[in-house]
Amino acid sequence: MEMQIKLGIVDDEVLVTKLLSDFLNGIEDLSVVLTAFNGVDLLKKLESDDGLPDIIISDLKMDEMDGVETAAQLKKRYPKIKIIVLSSYYKQSFLGYMMKAGVNAFLPKGIAPDVLLEAVRSTYSKGFFFLEEQIDVMRNQITTKAPKPKFTEEEKLTKREHEVLELICQQFTTQEIADKLFISERTVEGHRNNLFLKTKVKNVAGLVIYAVQKNLIDPEQFVIK
């Protein structure tokens, strides 16, 4: 029997996850071994699972942890896992950034099923896959400063990240935030790290300034502890 390529699917749309999983599991040389609804969910499942997928197929825009940060965390923690980003937010202008971020293939959700299968097999065997029209973009973009995907402020921070940011601004400790939100300290630290990455600030003071400047929190809510 031909060796199967083990896949993981990460998408916050349940229907998309189910349809994609069913389609790929119906292909003889493919097997979906893991599904998750965002990057945080994925990393938790990877930590508790003995067998790792060969390839993760991830959406780009997701709550909790988007596809850009998910790719960064995968490259840091599981460098052998290859990454295909499959998104309705696909833009050719994002291509250079995605490649520099370690993504092995970047594709629009509207691609034909046979193209997706080709991308999976090429990524597994060669480590990359490009659509024909992406080649020219790569030539023009890789040697220049490629734009990072940007969402609106409302899309940029998740609801949970807003909650963590508000509590940070109120000077609660990591343990206190964890207790208030009924999550682990490690999860709080993950959200705080995501906030640093998304806001491009270097410390908690910077987060407070960012929150006030962007009107994400009312300064009168601050408490002195």
N, C-alpha and C. Protein backbone atom coordinates (compact mmCIF):
# COMPACT_ATOMS: atom_id res chain seq x y z
N MET A 1 0.84 -1.20 0.00
CA MET A 1 0.00 0.00 0.00
C MET A 1 0.88 1.24 0.00
N GLU A 2 0.51 2.24 -0.79
CA GLU A 2 1.28 3.47 -0.89
C GLU A 2 1.24 4.21 0.44
N MET A 3 2.38 4.81 0.83
CA MET A 3 2.45 5.55 2.08
C MET A 3 1.49 6.73 2.05
N GLN A 4 0.72 6.91 3.14
CA GLN A 4 -0.23 8.01 3.20
C GLN A 4 0.41 9.29 3.73
N ILE A 5 -0.03 10.40 3.19
CA ILE A 5 0.39 11.71 3.67
C ILE A 5 -0.57 12.11 4.78
N LYS A 6 -0.06 12.35 5.96
CA LYS A 6 -0.89 12.71 7.11
C LYS A 6 -1.14 14.22 7.13
N LEU A 7 -2.41 14.59 7.22
CA LEU A 7 -2.79 16.00 7.14
C LEU A 7 -3.49 16.48 8.40
N GLY A 8 -3.32 17.77 8.69
CA GLY A 8 -4.09 18.45 9.72
C GLY A 8 -4.81 19.61 9.05
N ILE A 9 -6.04 19.90 9.49
CA ILE A 9 -6.83 20.99 8.92
C ILE A 9 -7.18 21.98 10.03
N VAL A 10 -6.92 23.26 9.77
CA VAL A 10 -7.21 24.30 10.76
C VAL A 10 -8.07 25.36 10.09
N ASP A 11 -9.32 25.47 10.52
CA ASP A 11 -10.24 26.45 9.94
C ASP A 11 -11.36 26.69 10.95
N ASP A 12 -11.73 27.95 11.17
CA ASP A 12 -12.76 28.24 12.17
C ASP A 12 -14.18 28.07 11.63
N GLU A 13 -14.32 27.68 10.37
CA GLU A 13 -15.63 27.38 9.82
C GLU A 13 -15.83 25.86 9.86
N VAL A 14 -16.76 25.42 10.69
CA VAL A 14 -16.98 23.98 10.90
C VAL A 14 -17.31 23.27 9.61
N LEU A 15 -18.16 23.89 8.79
CA LEU A 15 -18.56 23.24 7.54
C LEU A 15 -17.38 23.06 6.61
N VAL A 16 -16.53 24.08 6.50
CA VAL A 16 -15.35 23.99 5.64
C VAL A 16 -14.44 22.87 6.13
N THR A 17 -14.24 22.81 7.44
CA THR A 17 -13.38 21.77 8.02
C THR A 17 -13.93 20.38 7.70
N LYS A 18 -15.24 20.22 7.86
CA LYS A 18 -15.87 18.91 7.62
C LYS A 18 -15.79 18.53 6.14
N LEU A 19 -16.13 19.45 5.25
CA LEU A 19 -16.12 19.14 3.82
C LEU A 19 -14.70 18.84 3.33
N LEU A 20 -13.75 19.64 3.77
CA LEU A 20 -12.36 19.44 3.35
C LEU A 20 -11.83 18.12 3.88
N SER A 21 -12.15 17.83 5.14
CA SER A 21 -11.71 16.57 5.75
C SER A 21 -12.29 15.37 5.01
N ASP A 22 -13.58 15.42 4.71
CA ASP A 22 -14.22 14.31 4.01
C ASP A 22 -13.63 14.12 2.62
N PHE A 23 -13.39 15.22 1.93
CA PHE A 23 -12.81 15.14 0.58
C PHE A 23 -11.41 14.53 0.61
N LEU A 24 -10.57 15.01 1.48
CA LEU A 24 -9.18 14.55 1.52
C LEU A 24 -9.09 13.11 2.03
N ASN A 25 -9.95 12.74 2.97
CA ASN A 25 -9.94 11.35 3.46
C ASN A 25 -10.41 10.36 2.40
N GLY A 26 -11.08 10.88 1.38
CA GLY A 26 -11.53 10.01 0.30
C GLY A 26 -10.46 9.74 -0.74
N ILE A 27 -9.30 10.35 -0.58
CA ILE A 27 -8.18 10.15 -1.51
C ILE A 27 -7.24 9.09 -0.93
N GLU A 28 -6.90 8.10 -1.73
CA GLU A 28 -6.19 6.92 -1.23
C GLU A 28 -4.89 7.22 -0.50
N ASP A 29 -4.10 8.19 -1.00
CA ASP A 29 -2.79 8.43 -0.39
C ASP A 29 -2.80 9.55 0.64
N LEU A 30 -3.99 9.99 1.05
CA LEU A 30 -4.10 11.07 2.03
C LEU A 30 -4.91 10.61 3.25
N SER A 31 -4.57 11.16 4.41
CA SER A 31 -5.31 10.83 5.62
C SER A 31 -5.32 12.04 6.55
N VAL A 32 -6.52 12.51 6.90
CA VAL A 32 -6.64 13.64 7.84
C VAL A 32 -6.60 13.07 9.26
N VAL A 33 -5.55 13.41 9.99
CA VAL A 33 -5.34 12.86 11.33
C VAL A 33 -5.67 13.85 12.43
N LEU A 34 -5.96 15.11 12.04
CA LEU A 34 -6.20 16.14 13.06
C LEU A 34 -7.00 17.28 12.44
N THR A 35 -7.97 17.79 13.19
CA THR A 35 -8.68 19.01 12.80
C THR A 35 -8.71 19.95 13.99
N ALA A 36 -8.65 21.25 13.71
CA ALA A 36 -8.69 22.26 14.76
C ALA A 36 -9.38 23.50 14.21
N PHE A 37 -9.83 24.37 15.11
CA PHE A 37 -10.62 25.52 14.70
C PHE A 37 -9.87 26.85 14.76
N ASN A 38 -8.65 26.83 15.26
CA ASN A 38 -7.76 28.00 15.22
C ASN A 38 -6.37 27.55 15.66
N GLY A 39 -5.42 28.46 15.64
CA GLY A 39 -4.04 28.10 15.97
C GLY A 39 -3.86 27.63 17.39
N VAL A 40 -4.58 28.25 18.33
CA VAL A 40 -4.47 27.84 19.74
C VAL A 40 -4.96 26.41 19.91
N ASP A 41 -6.10 26.12 19.32
CA ASP A 41 -6.65 24.76 19.37
C ASP A 41 -5.69 23.76 18.74
N LEU A 42 -5.09 24.15 17.63
CA LEU A 42 -4.13 23.27 16.94
C LEU A 42 -2.94 22.93 17.82
N LEU A 43 -2.33 23.96 18.42
CA LEU A 43 -1.13 23.73 19.22
C LEU A 43 -1.43 22.86 20.44
N LYS A 44 -2.60 23.02 21.02
CA LYS A 44 -2.99 22.16 22.15
C LYS A 44 -3.08 20.71 21.71
N LYS A 45 -3.69 20.48 20.54
CA LYS A 45 -3.86 19.11 20.05
C LYS A 45 -2.52 18.50 19.64
N LEU A 46 -1.62 19.30 19.09
CA LEU A 46 -0.31 18.78 18.72
C LEU A 46 0.49 18.37 19.95
N GLU A 47 0.33 19.13 21.04
CA GLU A 47 1.05 18.81 22.28
C GLU A 47 0.58 17.50 22.90
N SER A 48 -0.70 17.20 22.71
CA SER A 48 -1.27 16.00 23.36
C SER A 48 -1.33 14.79 22.43
N ASP A 49 -0.84 14.95 21.20
CA ASP A 49 -0.91 13.87 20.21
C ASP A 49 0.48 13.33 19.93
N ASP A 50 0.62 12.01 19.93
CA ASP A 50 1.92 11.39 19.69
C ASP A 50 2.33 11.49 18.22
N GLY A 51 1.38 11.30 17.31
CA GLY A 51 1.70 11.34 15.88
C GLY A 51 1.45 12.72 15.30
N LEU A 52 2.44 13.27 14.63
CA LEU A 52 2.31 14.59 14.04
C LEU A 52 1.93 14.49 12.57
N PRO A 53 1.13 15.41 12.07
CA PRO A 53 0.81 15.42 10.64
C PRO A 53 2.03 15.84 9.83
N ASP A 54 2.07 15.44 8.57
CA ASP A 54 3.14 15.88 7.68
C ASP A 54 2.90 17.31 7.20
N ILE A 55 1.62 17.64 7.00
CA ILE A 55 1.24 18.95 6.46
C ILE A 55 0.04 19.49 7.23
N ILE A 56 0.09 20.77 7.54
CA ILE A 56 -1.06 21.47 8.10
C ILE A 56 -1.66 22.35 7.01
N ILE A 57 -2.96 22.22 6.77
CA ILE A 57 -3.68 23.11 5.85
C ILE A 57 -4.45 24.09 6.73
N SER A 58 -4.05 25.36 6.67
CA SER A 58 -4.60 26.35 7.61
C SER A 58 -5.28 27.51 6.90
N ASP A 59 -6.36 28.00 7.50
CA ASP A 59 -6.98 29.24 7.05
C ASP A 59 -6.06 30.40 7.47
N LEU A 60 -6.31 31.59 6.92
CA LEU A 60 -5.49 32.76 7.26
C LEU A 60 -6.11 33.57 8.38
N LYS A 61 -7.38 33.94 8.24
CA LYS A 61 -8.05 34.77 9.24
C LYS A 61 -8.87 33.89 10.17
N MET A 62 -8.44 33.79 11.44
CA MET A 62 -9.14 32.99 12.44
C MET A 62 -9.09 33.71 13.77
N ASP A 63 -10.08 33.45 14.62
CA ASP A 63 -10.05 33.97 15.98
C ASP A 63 -8.98 33.25 16.79
N GLU A 64 -8.66 33.83 17.94
CA GLU A 64 -7.68 33.29 18.87
C GLU A 64 -6.25 33.39 18.34
N MET A 65 -5.97 32.78 17.21
CA MET A 65 -4.64 32.86 16.60
C MET A 65 -4.79 32.70 15.09
N ASP A 66 -4.39 33.72 14.34
CA ASP A 66 -4.60 33.67 12.89
C ASP A 66 -3.55 32.79 12.20
N GLY A 67 -3.69 32.66 10.89
CA GLY A 67 -2.81 31.77 10.14
C GLY A 67 -1.37 32.21 10.11
N VAL A 68 -1.12 33.52 10.16
CA VAL A 68 0.26 34.03 10.16
C VAL A 68 0.97 33.60 11.44
N GLU A 69 0.33 33.84 12.58
CA GLU A 69 0.93 33.47 13.86
C GLU A 69 0.99 31.95 14.02
N THR A 70 -0.02 31.26 13.51
CA THR A 70 0.00 29.79 13.57
C THR A 70 1.21 29.24 12.82
N ALA A 71 1.48 29.79 11.65
CA ALA A 71 2.65 29.36 10.87
C ALA A 71 3.94 29.63 11.63
N ALA A 72 4.01 30.80 12.25
CA ALA A 72 5.22 31.16 13.01
C ALA A 72 5.44 30.19 14.17
N GLN A 73 4.35 29.86 14.89
CA GLN A 73 4.47 28.94 16.02
C GLN A 73 4.82 27.53 15.57
N LEU A 74 4.26 27.11 14.44
CA LEU A 74 4.58 25.78 13.92
C LEU A 74 6.05 25.68 13.53
N LYS A 75 6.56 26.71 12.86
CA LYS A 75 7.97 26.71 12.44
C LYS A 75 8.90 26.71 13.64
N LYS A 76 8.46 27.33 14.71
CA LYS A 76 9.28 27.40 15.92
C LYS A 76 9.25 26.09 16.70
N ARG A 77 8.06 25.50 16.83
CA ARG A 77 7.89 24.31 17.67
C ARG A 77 7.97 22.99 16.91
N TYR A 78 7.49 23.00 15.67
CA TYR A 78 7.45 21.77 14.87
C TYR A 78 7.97 22.06 13.46
N PRO A 79 9.26 22.31 13.34
CA PRO A 79 9.83 22.74 12.05
C PRO A 79 9.69 21.72 10.92
N LYS A 80 9.46 20.46 11.24
CA LYS A 80 9.33 19.45 10.19
C LYS A 80 7.94 19.45 9.54
N ILE A 81 6.95 20.05 10.21
CA ILE A 81 5.61 20.11 9.63
C ILE A 81 5.56 21.18 8.55
N LYS A 82 5.06 20.80 7.39
CA LYS A 82 4.92 21.75 6.29
C LYS A 82 3.55 22.43 6.37
N ILE A 83 3.45 23.62 5.81
CA ILE A 83 2.25 24.44 5.99
C ILE A 83 1.70 24.91 4.65
N ILE A 84 0.43 24.64 4.44
CA ILE A 84 -0.30 25.20 3.30
C ILE A 84 -1.36 26.15 3.85
N VAL A 85 -1.31 27.41 3.47
CA VAL A 85 -2.34 28.36 3.88
C VAL A 85 -3.36 28.45 2.76
N LEU A 86 -4.61 28.15 3.09
CA LEU A 86 -5.71 28.12 2.13
C LEU A 86 -6.75 29.12 2.61
N SER A 87 -6.91 30.24 1.91
CA SER A 87 -7.72 31.31 2.47
C SER A 87 -8.55 32.07 1.45
N SER A 88 -9.73 32.53 1.89
CA SER A 88 -10.56 33.41 1.08
C SER A 88 -10.01 34.83 1.12
N TYR A 89 -9.03 35.09 2.00
CA TYR A 89 -8.37 36.39 2.09
C TYR A 89 -7.09 36.41 1.24
N TYR A 90 -7.00 35.47 0.33
CA TYR A 90 -5.83 35.37 -0.53
C TYR A 90 -5.63 36.64 -1.37
N LYS A 91 -4.41 37.15 -1.35
CA LYS A 91 -4.00 38.24 -2.24
C LYS A 91 -2.58 37.95 -2.70
N GLN A 92 -2.30 38.17 -3.97
CA GLN A 92 -0.95 37.92 -4.47
C GLN A 92 0.08 38.79 -3.76
N SER A 93 -0.35 39.97 -3.31
CA SER A 93 0.59 40.87 -2.63
C SER A 93 1.04 40.33 -1.28
N PHE A 94 0.31 39.33 -0.73
CA PHE A 94 0.71 38.70 0.53
C PHE A 94 1.76 37.60 0.33
N LEU A 95 1.97 37.19 -0.90
CA LEU A 95 2.74 35.98 -1.19
C LEU A 95 4.15 36.02 -0.62
N GLY A 96 4.87 37.11 -0.89
CA GLY A 96 6.25 37.20 -0.42
C GLY A 96 6.35 37.09 1.08
N TYR A 97 5.46 37.76 1.78
CA TYR A 97 5.48 37.70 3.24
C TYR A 97 5.21 36.28 3.73
N MET A 98 4.24 35.61 3.12
CA MET A 98 3.90 34.25 3.55
C MET A 98 5.07 33.30 3.35
N MET A 99 5.78 33.45 2.23
CA MET A 99 6.95 32.60 1.98
C MET A 99 8.05 32.87 3.01
N LYS A 100 8.27 34.14 3.29
CA LYS A 100 9.30 34.50 4.28
C LYS A 100 8.92 34.00 5.68
N ALA A 101 7.61 33.89 5.92
CA ALA A 101 7.13 33.41 7.22
C ALA A 101 7.25 31.89 7.35
N GLY A 102 7.65 31.22 6.26
CA GLY A 102 7.87 29.78 6.33
C GLY A 102 6.74 28.94 5.77
N VAL A 103 5.74 29.60 5.16
CA VAL A 103 4.63 28.86 4.56
C VAL A 103 5.11 28.18 3.28
N ASN A 104 4.73 26.92 3.09
CA ASN A 104 5.20 26.15 1.94
C ASN A 104 4.33 26.34 0.70
N ALA A 105 3.08 26.75 0.90
CA ALA A 105 2.18 27.04 -0.22
C ALA A 105 1.09 27.97 0.28
N PHE A 106 0.70 28.92 -0.57
CA PHE A 106 -0.32 29.91 -0.22
C PHE A 106 -1.35 29.93 -1.34
N LEU A 107 -2.59 29.54 -1.03
CA LEU A 107 -3.59 29.30 -2.07
C LEU A 107 -4.94 29.92 -1.72
N PRO A 108 -5.69 30.33 -2.75
CA PRO A 108 -7.06 30.81 -2.51
C PRO A 108 -8.00 29.64 -2.28
N LYS A 109 -9.03 29.85 -1.48
CA LYS A 109 -9.98 28.77 -1.20
C LYS A 109 -10.76 28.34 -2.44
N GLY A 110 -10.79 29.19 -3.45
CA GLY A 110 -11.55 28.87 -4.64
C GLY A 110 -10.84 27.98 -5.65
N ILE A 111 -9.67 27.44 -5.30
CA ILE A 111 -8.95 26.60 -6.26
C ILE A 111 -9.70 25.30 -6.52
N ALA A 112 -9.43 24.70 -7.66
CA ALA A 112 -10.05 23.43 -8.02
C ALA A 112 -9.51 22.30 -7.14
N PRO A 113 -10.32 21.28 -6.86
CA PRO A 113 -9.88 20.16 -6.01
C PRO A 113 -8.59 19.50 -6.50
N ASP A 114 -8.44 19.34 -7.84
CA ASP A 114 -7.24 18.68 -8.34
C ASP A 114 -5.99 19.54 -8.10
N VAL A 115 -6.16 20.86 -8.09
CA VAL A 115 -5.02 21.75 -7.81
C VAL A 115 -4.62 21.61 -6.34
N LEU A 116 -5.60 21.51 -5.45
CA LEU A 116 -5.30 21.31 -4.04
C LEU A 116 -4.54 20.01 -3.82
N LEU A 117 -4.98 18.95 -4.49
CA LEU A 117 -4.29 17.66 -4.35
C LEU A 117 -2.86 17.76 -4.87
N GLU A 118 -2.69 18.46 -5.98
CA GLU A 118 -1.34 18.66 -6.53
C GLU A 118 -0.48 19.45 -5.54
N ALA A 119 -1.09 20.46 -4.91
CA ALA A 119 -0.35 21.27 -3.93
C ALA A 119 0.08 20.44 -2.73
N VAL A 120 -0.81 19.58 -2.25
CA VAL A 120 -0.50 18.73 -1.10
C VAL A 120 0.65 17.79 -1.43
N ARG A 121 0.57 17.13 -2.56
CA ARG A 121 1.60 16.16 -2.93
C ARG A 121 2.93 16.84 -3.22
N SER A 122 2.89 17.99 -3.89
CA SER A 122 4.13 18.72 -4.18
C SER A 122 4.76 19.24 -2.90
N THR A 123 3.94 19.75 -2.00
CA THR A 123 4.46 20.25 -0.72
C THR A 123 5.11 19.12 0.07
N TYR A 124 4.48 17.95 0.05
CA TYR A 124 5.02 16.80 0.78
C TYR A 124 6.34 16.33 0.17
N SER A 125 6.41 16.25 -1.14
CA SER A 125 7.60 15.67 -1.79
C SER A 125 8.72 16.69 -2.05
N LYS A 126 8.33 17.93 -2.39
CA LYS A 126 9.32 18.94 -2.76
C LYS A 126 9.52 20.02 -1.70
N GLY A 127 8.51 20.18 -0.83
CA GLY A 127 8.61 21.21 0.19
C GLY A 127 7.99 22.53 -0.21
N PHE A 128 7.38 22.62 -1.40
CA PHE A 128 6.75 23.86 -1.83
C PHE A 128 5.80 23.59 -2.99
N PHE A 129 4.93 24.57 -3.22
CA PHE A 129 4.06 24.53 -4.39
C PHE A 129 3.68 25.96 -4.75
N PHE A 130 3.77 26.32 -6.04
CA PHE A 130 3.37 27.64 -6.51
C PHE A 130 2.38 27.51 -7.65
N LEU A 131 1.36 28.34 -7.62
CA LEU A 131 0.49 28.46 -8.78
C LEU A 131 1.27 29.15 -9.89
N GLU A 132 0.88 28.91 -11.12
CA GLU A 132 1.62 29.47 -12.25
C GLU A 132 1.74 30.99 -12.16
N GLU A 133 0.62 31.65 -11.78
CA GLU A 133 0.65 33.12 -11.73
C GLU A 133 1.46 33.67 -10.56
N GLN A 134 1.81 32.78 -9.61
CA GLN A 134 2.60 33.24 -8.46
C GLN A 134 4.09 33.40 -8.78
N ILE A 135 4.55 32.74 -9.80
CA ILE A 135 5.97 32.76 -10.12
C ILE A 135 6.46 34.18 -10.41
N ASP A 136 5.73 34.90 -11.26
CA ASP A 136 6.12 36.27 -11.58
C ASP A 136 6.05 37.16 -10.35
N VAL A 137 5.04 36.93 -9.52
CA VAL A 137 4.92 37.71 -8.29
C VAL A 137 6.13 37.49 -7.40
N MET A 138 6.55 36.25 -7.29
CA MET A 138 7.72 35.93 -6.46
C MET A 138 8.96 36.64 -6.97
N ARG A 139 9.14 36.63 -8.27
CA ARG A 139 10.33 37.28 -8.84
C ARG A 139 10.36 38.76 -8.48
N ASN A 140 9.19 39.39 -8.51
CA ASN A 140 9.13 40.83 -8.27
C ASN A 140 9.09 41.20 -6.80
N GLN A 141 8.67 40.26 -5.96
CA GLN A 141 8.36 40.60 -4.58
C GLN A 141 9.40 40.17 -3.56
N ILE A 142 10.00 39.01 -3.76
CA ILE A 142 10.87 38.45 -2.73
C ILE A 142 12.06 39.34 -2.42
N THR A 143 12.58 40.03 -3.41
CA THR A 143 13.76 40.87 -3.18
C THR A 143 13.40 42.24 -2.63
N THR A 144 12.10 42.53 -2.47
CA THR A 144 11.66 43.80 -1.93
C THR A 144 10.97 43.56 -0.60
N LYS A 145 10.56 44.65 0.02
CA LYS A 145 9.85 44.51 1.29
C LYS A 145 8.41 44.12 1.01
N ALA A 146 8.08 42.88 1.32
CA ALA A 146 6.74 42.37 1.02
C ALA A 146 5.77 42.79 2.11
N PRO A 147 4.53 43.17 1.73
CA PRO A 147 3.57 43.62 2.74
C PRO A 147 3.04 42.47 3.57
N LYS A 148 2.87 42.74 4.85
CA LYS A 148 2.28 41.76 5.75
C LYS A 148 0.76 41.86 5.66
N PRO A 149 0.03 40.73 5.68
CA PRO A 149 -1.43 40.79 5.66
C PRO A 149 -1.95 41.64 6.81
N LYS A 150 -2.88 42.53 6.52
CA LYS A 150 -3.43 43.41 7.53
C LYS A 150 -4.95 43.30 7.54
N PHE A 151 -5.52 43.26 8.74
CA PHE A 151 -6.95 43.29 8.90
C PHE A 151 -7.30 44.59 9.62
N THR A 152 -8.56 44.90 9.75
CA THR A 152 -8.96 46.08 10.50
C THR A 152 -8.66 45.86 11.97
N GLU A 153 -8.69 46.93 12.76
CA GLU A 153 -8.40 46.82 14.19
C GLU A 153 -9.36 45.84 14.85
N GLU A 154 -10.66 45.89 14.42
CA GLU A 154 -11.64 45.00 15.03
C GLU A 154 -11.31 43.53 14.74
N GLU A 155 -10.78 43.26 13.56
CA GLU A 155 -10.44 41.89 13.18
C GLU A 155 -9.10 41.47 13.76
N LYS A 156 -8.25 42.44 14.00
CA LYS A 156 -6.88 42.13 14.36
C LYS A 156 -6.78 41.46 15.72
N LEU A 157 -7.52 41.97 16.70
CA LEU A 157 -7.50 41.39 18.03
C LEU A 157 -8.78 40.58 18.24
N THR A 158 -8.64 39.38 18.77
CA THR A 158 -9.81 38.55 19.05
C THR A 158 -10.50 39.05 20.31
N LYS A 159 -11.72 38.54 20.53
CA LYS A 159 -12.47 38.92 21.73
C LYS A 159 -11.68 38.56 22.98
N ARG A 160 -11.08 37.39 23.00
CA ARG A 160 -10.30 36.97 24.17
C ARG A 160 -9.08 37.85 24.37
N GLU A 161 -8.44 38.24 23.27
CA GLU A 161 -7.27 39.12 23.39
C GLU A 161 -7.68 40.48 23.94
N HIS A 162 -8.87 40.97 23.54
CA HIS A 162 -9.39 42.23 24.11
C HIS A 162 -9.57 42.09 25.62
N GLU A 163 -10.11 40.95 26.05
CA GLU A 163 -10.33 40.73 27.48
C GLU A 163 -9.02 40.69 28.24
N VAL A 164 -8.04 39.99 27.69
CA VAL A 164 -6.72 39.91 28.34
C VAL A 164 -6.07 41.29 28.38
N LEU A 165 -6.18 42.03 27.28
CA LEU A 165 -5.59 43.37 27.22
C LEU A 165 -6.20 44.28 28.28
N GLU A 166 -7.51 44.22 28.43
CA GLU A 166 -8.19 45.06 29.42
C GLU A 166 -7.71 44.73 30.83
N LEU A 167 -7.57 43.45 31.14
CA LEU A 167 -7.12 43.04 32.47
C LEU A 167 -5.64 43.40 32.70
N ILE A 168 -4.84 43.31 31.64
CA ILE A 168 -3.44 43.74 31.76
C ILE A 168 -3.38 45.23 32.10
N CYS A 169 -4.21 46.01 31.41
CA CYS A 169 -4.23 47.46 31.66
C CYS A 169 -4.70 47.76 33.08
N GLN A 170 -5.49 46.86 33.67
CA GLN A 170 -5.95 47.03 35.05
C GLN A 170 -4.96 46.45 36.05
N GLN A 171 -3.78 46.06 35.55
CA GLN A 171 -2.65 45.62 36.38
C GLN A 171 -2.87 44.29 37.10
N PHE A 172 -3.72 43.43 36.53
CA PHE A 172 -3.87 42.10 37.11
C PHE A 172 -2.69 41.23 36.71
N THR A 173 -2.29 40.32 37.56
CA THR A 173 -1.18 39.41 37.28
C THR A 173 -1.65 38.31 36.34
N THR A 174 -0.70 37.54 35.82
CA THR A 174 -1.03 36.44 34.93
C THR A 174 -1.96 35.44 35.61
N GLN A 175 -1.67 35.11 36.88
CA GLN A 175 -2.51 34.17 37.62
C GLN A 175 -3.91 34.72 37.83
N GLU A 176 -4.00 36.01 38.16
CA GLU A 176 -5.31 36.63 38.39
C GLU A 176 -6.14 36.67 37.11
N ILE A 177 -5.46 36.94 35.99
CA ILE A 177 -6.18 36.96 34.70
C ILE A 177 -6.68 35.55 34.38
N ALA A 178 -5.82 34.56 34.61
CA ALA A 178 -6.21 33.17 34.37
C ALA A 178 -7.43 32.79 35.20
N ASP A 179 -7.44 33.19 36.47
CA ASP A 179 -8.57 32.87 37.36
C ASP A 179 -9.85 33.57 36.90
N LYS A 180 -9.74 34.81 36.50
CA LYS A 180 -10.92 35.57 36.09
C LYS A 180 -11.54 35.03 34.80
N LEU A 181 -10.67 34.57 33.88
CA LEU A 181 -11.16 34.11 32.58
C LEU A 181 -11.32 32.59 32.52
N PHE A 182 -10.99 31.91 33.63
CA PHE A 182 -11.11 30.45 33.71
C PHE A 182 -10.27 29.76 32.63
N ILE A 183 -9.04 30.23 32.48
CA ILE A 183 -8.08 29.63 31.56
C ILE A 183 -6.77 29.42 32.29
N SER A 184 -5.81 28.74 31.66
CA SER A 184 -4.54 28.48 32.32
C SER A 184 -3.60 29.67 32.20
N GLU A 185 -2.59 29.72 33.07
CA GLU A 185 -1.59 30.78 32.99
C GLU A 185 -0.86 30.72 31.65
N ARG A 186 -0.61 29.52 31.18
CA ARG A 186 0.08 29.36 29.90
C ARG A 186 -0.73 29.96 28.75
N THR A 187 -2.06 29.79 28.80
CA THR A 187 -2.91 30.38 27.77
C THR A 187 -2.88 31.90 27.85
N VAL A 188 -2.88 32.43 29.06
CA VAL A 188 -2.77 33.89 29.23
C VAL A 188 -1.47 34.39 28.62
N GLU A 189 -0.38 33.68 28.90
CA GLU A 189 0.92 34.08 28.35
C GLU A 189 0.90 34.03 26.83
N GLY A 190 0.20 33.04 26.27
CA GLY A 190 0.08 32.94 24.82
C GLY A 190 -0.66 34.13 24.23
N HIS A 191 -1.76 34.52 24.89
CA HIS A 191 -2.52 35.69 24.42
C HIS A 191 -1.67 36.96 24.54
N ARG A 192 -0.92 37.06 25.63
CA ARG A 192 -0.09 38.26 25.81
C ARG A 192 1.00 38.33 24.73
N ASN A 193 1.59 37.19 24.42
CA ASN A 193 2.60 37.16 23.35
C ASN A 193 1.99 37.53 22.00
N ASN A 194 0.76 37.06 21.76
CA ASN A 194 0.06 37.43 20.53
C ASN A 194 -0.19 38.93 20.47
N LEU A 195 -0.53 39.51 21.62
CA LEU A 195 -0.76 40.96 21.68
C LEU A 195 0.52 41.72 21.35
N PHE A 196 1.66 41.25 21.88
CA PHE A 196 2.93 41.90 21.56
C PHE A 196 3.20 41.84 20.06
N LEU A 197 2.96 40.66 19.47
CA LEU A 197 3.22 40.48 18.05
C LEU A 197 2.30 41.33 17.19
N LYS A 198 1.02 41.35 17.53
CA LYS A 198 0.05 42.06 16.70
C LYS A 198 0.15 43.57 16.84
N THR A 199 0.49 44.05 18.04
CA THR A 199 0.56 45.50 18.26
C THR A 199 1.95 46.05 18.00
N LYS A 200 2.94 45.15 17.90
CA LYS A 200 4.34 45.54 17.66
C LYS A 200 4.92 46.38 18.79
N VAL A 201 4.45 46.17 20.02
CA VAL A 201 5.05 46.83 21.18
C VAL A 201 5.92 45.82 21.92
N LYS A 202 6.78 46.32 22.81
CA LYS A 202 7.79 45.45 23.42
C LYS A 202 7.51 45.11 24.88
N ASN A 203 6.58 45.81 25.52
CA ASN A 203 6.34 45.54 26.94
C ASN A 203 4.91 45.91 27.30
N VAL A 204 4.56 45.68 28.57
CA VAL A 204 3.19 45.92 29.03
C VAL A 204 2.84 47.39 28.95
N ALA A 205 3.80 48.26 29.25
CA ALA A 205 3.55 49.70 29.14
C ALA A 205 3.14 50.07 27.73
N GLY A 206 3.80 49.45 26.76
CA GLY A 206 3.46 49.69 25.36
C GLY A 206 2.04 49.22 25.04
N LEU A 207 1.61 48.09 25.64
CA LEU A 207 0.26 47.60 25.44
C LEU A 207 -0.78 48.59 25.96
N VAL A 208 -0.49 49.19 27.13
CA VAL A 208 -1.41 50.17 27.71
C VAL A 208 -1.54 51.38 26.79
N ILE A 209 -0.40 51.88 26.33
CA ILE A 209 -0.41 53.04 25.43
C ILE A 209 -1.17 52.71 24.16
N TYR A 210 -0.92 51.53 23.61
CA TYR A 210 -1.61 51.10 22.39
C TYR A 210 -3.12 51.06 22.61
N ALA A 211 -3.54 50.47 23.75
CA ALA A 211 -4.96 50.32 24.04
C ALA A 211 -5.66 51.67 24.14
N VAL A 212 -4.98 52.64 24.75
CA VAL A 212 -5.56 53.97 24.90
C VAL A 212 -5.61 54.69 23.55
N GLN A 213 -4.50 54.63 22.80
CA GLN A 213 -4.44 55.32 21.51
C GLN A 213 -5.48 54.80 20.53
N LYS A 214 -5.75 53.49 20.58
CA LYS A 214 -6.70 52.87 19.66
C LYS A 214 -8.12 52.84 20.21
N ASN A 215 -8.30 53.47 21.38
CA ASN A 215 -9.63 53.51 22.02
C ASN A 215 -10.18 52.11 22.27
N LEU A 216 -9.30 51.20 22.61
CA LEU A 216 -9.71 49.83 22.90
C LEU A 216 -10.12 49.67 24.36
N ILE A 217 -9.79 50.65 25.19
CA ILE A 217 -10.12 50.59 26.61
C ILE A 217 -10.29 52.00 27.13
N ASP A 218 -11.18 52.16 28.07
CA ASP A 218 -11.43 53.45 28.72
C ASP A 218 -10.41 53.63 29.85
N PRO A 219 -9.57 54.67 29.82
CA PRO A 219 -8.56 54.87 30.87
C PRO A 219 -9.16 54.93 32.27
N GLU A 220 -10.46 55.34 32.39
CA GLU A 220 -11.09 55.42 33.69
C GLU A 220 -11.31 54.03 34.30
N GLN A 221 -11.17 52.99 33.47
CA GLN A 221 -11.34 51.62 33.99
C GLN A 221 -10.08 51.12 34.69
N PHE A 222 -8.96 51.83 34.51
CA PHE A 222 -7.71 51.40 35.13
C PHE A 222 -7.88 51.41 36.64
N VAL A 223 -7.24 50.43 37.26
CA VAL A 223 -7.25 50.39 38.74
C VAL A 223 -5.82 50.42 39.23
N ILE A 224 -5.60 51.04 40.38
CA ILE A 224 -4.29 51.06 41.01
C ILE A 224 -4.24 49.98 42.05
N LYS A 225 -3.32 49.04 41.87
CA LYS A 225 -3.27 47.89 42.79
C LYS A 225 -2.02 47.97 43.64
